[in-house]
Amino acid sequence: MNQKTDAKKNAEALEESLEESKLQAGIEELKRDMRSAKVIDWVQTNQKMLTMVAVAVVGGLIAGSMWLEHVKTERASAASMYESAVLEQDKSKQQTLLSDVARDYRGTSYAAMAQMLLARLDTANAEKHLQAIITSSKAMDAWKWQARLDLAELYLENKDAAKAAAVLADPVGPAYEQLRQYLLAKSSSDAAARKDHLQKALDAQSYDADLKQKIERMLADSAS
């Protein structure tokens, strides 16, 4: 009797479980239908906005592609003109070509490279060319450091130690530090400060044997 009762109870429990599963499945299906209906309704309501967004996205992709192509073309043109300038034997024509690169392709790194050469060719406007490199967003740090050192030397040649010291105030890369400290020593009117800069120059990485010998002589003279 007990076995029959237990079997009946188990059967009833299984049936209830199946019914509950069916009910739960039905509820989930209903939820999915409701969600789908809501999504469809939302899409239909906002179709105009979605179309505008899609157009904007496609337009952005096209514009981006066109911009990249423009940048690529501009860089190629700048490279070609810069190469022509470097190979030009006539100094006047070379200067004209470099000026064109600096003016017409200022959005490329070739403009800064052209300014670097112009600073050596067009000495009357060397300061302007060097300042252009220093303020350029396209020039590498190494070019900016070299431009600052060249500008400081130019100021020292013109007997303007204060301007030279101001240009040299900010640090440079290790390969440029020896020359920076040497120029700071030359721009200083204080004997102790000059000696300190010379010692720092001597301790810095050296890539110029002549400059290192000059620093050593100046340090020896300051000690005597």
Foldseek 3Di string as FASTA:
>chain_A
DVVVVVVVVVVVVVVVVVVVVVVVVVVVVVVVVVVVVVVVVVCVVCVVVVVVVVVVVVVVVVVVVVVVVVVVVLVVVLVVLLVVLVPDPDLVVSLVSLVCSLPVNLVEQSNLVSLVVCLVSVVVCNLVSLVSLLPRPHHDLVSVLVSLLVNLVVCVVVVNLVVSCVSLVDDGDLASQLSSLCSPLSSDPDLVSNLVSLVVSLVTDDDDPVSNVVSVVVNVVSVD
